[in-house]
Amino acid sequence: MSSATPPHPLSYGSAHLLTL
């Protein structure tokens, strides 16, 4: 899923929780 979603600078923290 992490590969599908781009590494956003702002959504970095939010993405971390979603990925986990």
Protein backbone atom coordinates (compact mmCIF):
# COMPACT_ATOMS: atom_id res chain seq x y z
CA MET A 1 0.00 0.00 0.00
CA SER A 2 2.90 2.29 0.77
CA SER A 3 4.14 1.77 -2.79
CA ALA A 4 0.78 2.76 -4.25
CA THR A 5 0.63 5.98 -2.24
CA PRO A 6 3.23 8.70 -2.95
CA PRO A 7 5.48 9.97 -0.11
CA HIS A 8 3.78 13.24 0.73
CA PRO A 9 5.66 15.73 2.94
CA LEU A 10 2.52 16.90 4.76
CA SER A 11 0.74 13.54 4.86
CA TYR A 12 3.97 11.86 5.94
CA GLY A 13 2.89 11.59 9.58
CA SER A 14 -0.68 10.69 8.66
CA ALA A 15 0.50 8.10 6.15
CA HIS A 16 2.72 6.50 8.78
CA LEU A 17 -0.29 5.76 10.98
CA LEU A 18 -2.33 4.53 8.02
CA THR A 19 0.44 2.26 6.79
CA LEU A 20 1.03 0.83 10.27
